[in-house]
């Protein structure tokens, strides 16, 4: 059974930095795409950044140059999201998600694929940047 747990969310001032972490266990596919999604109150869940085992990445337009996604795969899979120069519009619940064996890989181009293509989700970690 796949288990995903996010951490690192906090309330910070505009311009600050945060690093989110996501630990994935029980995931047995050798190839995959995983990513970070966020959801603000009253808005749809949107893709922030995605990374695949073949090295490709994709970022939502508003976070390019500020956020960096990375991963480690030693004994377990750990996904990170380094967020710099945070803005009030970055506020939201941040979720870590994984696809099934890399089925979204062909969809990862300029922007992250839709959340509907990802089958495994964590509970989220809250990021708040007051205006």
C-alpha atoms as a PDB file:
ATOM      1  CA  UNK A   1       0.000   0.000   0.000  1.00  0.00           C
ATOM      2  CA  UNK A   2       1.368   3.393  -1.007  1.00  0.00           C
ATOM      3  CA  UNK A   3       1.708   5.901   1.792  1.00  0.00           C
ATOM      4  CA  UNK A   4       2.595   9.551   1.190  1.00  0.00           C
ATOM      5  CA  UNK A   5       3.369  12.055   3.907  1.00  0.00           C
ATOM      6  CA  UNK A   6       4.177  15.734   3.432  1.00  0.00           C
ATOM      7  CA  UNK A   7       5.896  18.057   5.889  1.00  0.00           C
ATOM      8  CA  UNK A   8       7.520  21.465   6.049  1.00  0.00           C
ATOM      9  CA  UNK A   9       4.544  23.771   5.652  1.00  0.00           C
ATOM     10  CA  UNK A  10       4.479  26.933   7.740  1.00  0.00           C
ATOM     11  CA  UNK A  11       3.279  30.511   7.926  1.00  0.00           C
ATOM     12  CA  UNK A  12       6.016  32.836   6.688  1.00  0.00           C
ATOM     13  CA  UNK A  13       6.368  36.430   5.574  1.00  0.00           C
ATOM     14  CA  UNK A  14       6.474  37.394   1.923  1.00  0.00           C
ATOM     15  CA  UNK A  15       9.958  36.968   0.506  1.00  0.00           C
ATOM     16  CA  UNK A  16      10.856  34.105   2.822  1.00  0.00           C
ATOM     17  CA  UNK A  17      11.804  30.562   1.823  1.00  0.00           C
ATOM     18  CA  UNK A  18      10.496  27.132   2.748  1.00  0.00           C
ATOM     19  CA  UNK A  19      11.369  23.570   1.848  1.00  0.00           C
ATOM     20  CA  UNK A  20       8.603  21.008   1.687  1.00  0.00           C
ATOM     21  CA  UNK A  21       9.366  17.308   1.995  1.00  0.00           C
ATOM     22  CA  UNK A  22       7.375  14.289   0.937  1.00  0.00           C
ATOM     23  CA  UNK A  23       8.140  10.740   1.977  1.00  0.00           C
ATOM     24  CA  UNK A  24       6.720   7.970  -0.183  1.00  0.00           C
ATOM     25  CA  UNK A  25       6.619   4.374   0.998  1.00  0.00           C
ATOM     26  CA  UNK A  26       5.177   1.206  -0.479  1.00  0.00           C
ATOM     27  CA  UNK A  27       5.599   2.483  -4.056  1.00  0.00           C
ATOM     28  CA  UNK A  28       6.997  -0.312  -6.192  1.00  0.00           C
ATOM     29  CA  UNK A  29       7.134   1.115  -9.704  1.00  0.00           C
ATOM     30  CA  UNK A  30      10.642   1.671 -11.070  1.00  0.00           C
ATOM     31  CA  UNK A  31       9.545   4.592 -13.231  1.00  0.00           C
ATOM     32  CA  UNK A  32       7.303   7.369 -12.068  1.00  0.00           C
ATOM     33  CA  UNK A  33       6.383  11.013 -12.117  1.00  0.00           C
ATOM     34  CA  UNK A  34       5.657  12.702  -8.822  1.00  0.00           C
ATOM     35  CA  UNK A  35       4.866  16.237  -8.016  1.00  0.00           C
ATOM     36  CA  UNK A  36       3.513  18.973  -5.847  1.00  0.00           C
ATOM     37  CA  UNK A  37       0.027  20.389  -6.195  1.00  0.00           C
ATOM     38  CA  UNK A  38      -1.629  23.151  -4.236  1.00  0.00           C
ATOM     39  CA  UNK A  39      -5.147  24.219  -3.485  1.00  0.00           C
ATOM     40  CA  UNK A  40      -6.240  27.579  -2.174  1.00  0.00           C
ATOM     41  CA  UNK A  41      -9.668  28.060  -0.564  1.00  0.00           C
ATOM     42  CA  UNK A  42     -12.380  28.182  -3.231  1.00  0.00           C
ATOM     43  CA  UNK A  43      -9.999  27.250  -6.028  1.00  0.00           C
ATOM     44  CA  UNK A  44      -9.222  24.096  -7.930  1.00  0.00           C
ATOM     45  CA  UNK A  45      -6.170  22.029  -7.179  1.00  0.00           C
ATOM     46  CA  UNK A  46      -3.346  23.059  -9.501  1.00  0.00           C
ATOM     47  CA  UNK A  47      -0.019  21.541 -10.385  1.00  0.00           C
ATOM     48  CA  UNK A  48       3.004  23.390  -9.028  1.00  0.00           C
ATOM     49  CA  UNK A  49       5.930  21.217 -10.053  1.00  0.00           C
ATOM     50  CA  UNK A  50       6.469  17.694 -11.318  1.00  0.00           C
ATOM     51  CA  UNK A  51       9.562  15.516 -11.677  1.00  0.00           C
ATOM     52  CA  UNK A  52       9.985  12.169 -13.420  1.00  0.00           C
ATOM     53  CA  UNK A  53      12.557   9.404 -13.199  1.00  0.00           C
ATOM     54  CA  UNK A  54      13.785  10.233 -16.713  1.00  0.00           C
ATOM     55  CA  UNK A  55      14.837  13.639 -15.451  1.00  0.00           C
ATOM     56  CA  UNK A  56      12.143  15.794 -16.954  1.00  0.00           C
ATOM     57  CA  UNK A  57      10.526  18.499 -14.842  1.00  0.00           C
ATOM     58  CA  UNK A  58       7.708  20.964 -15.305  1.00  0.00           C
ATOM     59  CA  UNK A  59       6.690  24.035 -13.349  1.00  0.00           C
ATOM     60  CA  UNK A  60       3.589  26.158 -13.161  1.00  0.00           C
ATOM     61  CA  UNK A  61       4.268  29.519 -14.777  1.00  0.00           C
ATOM     62  CA  UNK A  62       4.042  31.655 -11.631  1.00  0.00           C
ATOM     63  CA  UNK A  63       6.640  29.600  -9.721  1.00  0.00           C
ATOM     64  CA  UNK A  64       9.298  29.255 -12.409  1.00  0.00           C
ATOM     65  CA  UNK A  65      12.601  30.654 -11.193  1.00  0.00           C
ATOM     66  CA  UNK A  66      11.417  30.622  -7.557  1.00  0.00           C
ATOM     67  CA  UNK A  67      10.593  26.968  -6.848  1.00  0.00           C
ATOM     68  CA  UNK A  68      12.772  23.913  -7.403  1.00  0.00           C
ATOM     69  CA  UNK A  69      11.613  20.322  -7.260  1.00  0.00           C
ATOM     70  CA  UNK A  70      14.024  17.505  -6.525  1.00  0.00           C
ATOM     71  CA  UNK A  71      13.947  13.896  -5.448  1.00  0.00           C
ATOM     72  CA  UNK A  72      15.973  11.228  -3.709  1.00  0.00           C
ATOM     73  CA  UNK A  73      15.556   7.501  -4.199  1.00  0.00           C
ATOM     74  CA  UNK A  74      17.732   5.778  -1.629  1.00  0.00           C
ATOM     75  CA  UNK A  75      15.890   3.068   0.318  1.00  0.00           C
ATOM     76  CA  UNK A  76      12.787   5.228   0.001  1.00  0.00           C
ATOM     77  CA  UNK A  77      11.503   7.970  -2.260  1.00  0.00           C
ATOM     78  CA  UNK A  78      11.685  11.504  -0.934  1.00  0.00           C
ATOM     79  CA  UNK A  79      10.412  14.476  -2.881  1.00  0.00           C
ATOM     80  CA  UNK A  80      11.340  18.065  -2.083  1.00  0.00           C
ATOM     81  CA  UNK A  81      10.045  21.469  -3.086  1.00  0.00           C
ATOM     82  CA  UNK A  82      12.324  24.391  -2.387  1.00  0.00           C
ATOM     83  CA  UNK A  83      10.297  27.587  -2.425  1.00  0.00           C
ATOM     84  CA  UNK A  84      12.046  30.947  -2.528  1.00  0.00           C
ATOM     85  CA  UNK A  85      10.683  34.489  -2.650  1.00  0.00           C
ATOM     86  CA  UNK A  86       7.296  33.368  -1.395  1.00  0.00           C
ATOM     87  CA  UNK A  87       4.286  35.508  -2.251  1.00  0.00           C
ATOM     88  CA  UNK A  88       0.793  35.745  -0.721  1.00  0.00           C
ATOM     89  CA  UNK A  89      -0.590  34.035  -3.830  1.00  0.00           C
ATOM     90  CA  UNK A  90       1.495  30.962  -2.964  1.00  0.00           C
ATOM     91  CA  UNK A  91      -0.765  30.372   0.038  1.00  0.00           C
ATOM     92  CA  UNK A  92      -2.559  27.041   0.023  1.00  0.00           C
ATOM     93  CA  UNK A  93      -2.538  23.411   1.009  1.00  0.00           C
ATOM     94  CA  UNK A  94       0.343  21.689  -0.734  1.00  0.00           C
ATOM     95  CA  UNK A  95      -0.109  18.064  -1.700  1.00  0.00           C
ATOM     96  CA  UNK A  96       2.403  15.499  -2.874  1.00  0.00           C
ATOM     97  CA  UNK A  97       1.179  13.075  -5.518  1.00  0.00           C
ATOM     98  CA  UNK A  98       2.465  10.123  -7.499  1.00  0.00           C
ATOM     99  CA  UNK A  99       1.302   8.579 -10.729  1.00  0.00           C
ATOM    100  CA  UNK A 100       1.158   4.861 -11.518  1.00  0.00           C
ATOM    101  CA  UNK A 101       4.423   3.748 -13.054  1.00  0.00           C
ATOM    102  CA  UNK A 102       5.131   6.871 -15.071  1.00  0.00           C
ATOM    103  CA  UNK A 103       1.861   7.001 -17.036  1.00  0.00           C
ATOM    104  CA  UNK A 104       1.976  10.812 -16.976  1.00  0.00           C
ATOM    105  CA  UNK A 105       5.516  11.029 -18.315  1.00  0.00           C
ATOM    106  CA  UNK A 106       4.403  11.850 -21.849  1.00  0.00           C
ATOM    107  CA  UNK A 107       2.232  14.660 -20.498  1.00  0.00           C
ATOM    108  CA  UNK A 108       5.028  16.432 -18.640  1.00  0.00           C
ATOM    109  CA  UNK A 109       6.034  19.294 -20.915  1.00  0.00           C
ATOM    110  CA  UNK A 110       5.780  23.027 -20.152  1.00  0.00           C
ATOM    111  CA  UNK A 111       3.377  22.678 -17.239  1.00  0.00           C
ATOM    112  CA  UNK A 112       2.448  19.927 -14.782  1.00  0.00           C
ATOM    113  CA  UNK A 113      -0.310  17.570 -15.945  1.00  0.00           C
ATOM    114  CA  UNK A 114      -3.746  17.769 -14.413  1.00  0.00           C
ATOM    115  CA  UNK A 115      -4.186  16.423 -10.908  1.00  0.00           C
ATOM    116  CA  UNK A 116      -6.711  13.901 -12.199  1.00  0.00           C
ATOM    117  CA  UNK A 117      -3.908  11.794 -13.682  1.00  0.00           C
ATOM    118  CA  UNK A 118      -2.324  11.129 -10.282  1.00  0.00           C
ATOM    119  CA  UNK A 119      -3.644   8.251  -8.227  1.00  0.00           C
ATOM    120  CA  UNK A 120      -1.669   8.493  -5.009  1.00  0.00           C
ATOM    121  CA  UNK A 121      -1.972  11.474  -2.693  1.00  0.00           C
ATOM    122  CA  UNK A 122      -0.803  12.653   0.696  1.00  0.00           C
ATOM    123  CA  UNK A 123      -2.858  14.592   3.233  1.00  0.00           C
ATOM    124  CA  UNK A 124      -1.170  17.916   2.514  1.00  0.00           C
ATOM    125  CA  UNK A 125       0.844  20.515   4.368  1.00  0.00           C
ATOM    126  CA  UNK A 126      -0.314  24.123   4.749  1.00  0.00           C
ATOM    127  CA  UNK A 127       1.713  27.058   3.450  1.00  0.00           C
ATOM    128  CA  UNK A 128       0.546  30.525   4.429  1.00  0.00           C
ATOM    129  CA  UNK A 129       2.068  33.779   3.244  1.00  0.00           C
ATOM    130  CA  UNK A 130       0.070  36.678   4.718  1.00  0.00           C
ATOM    131  CA  UNK A 131      -0.463  39.718   2.531  1.00  0.00           C
END
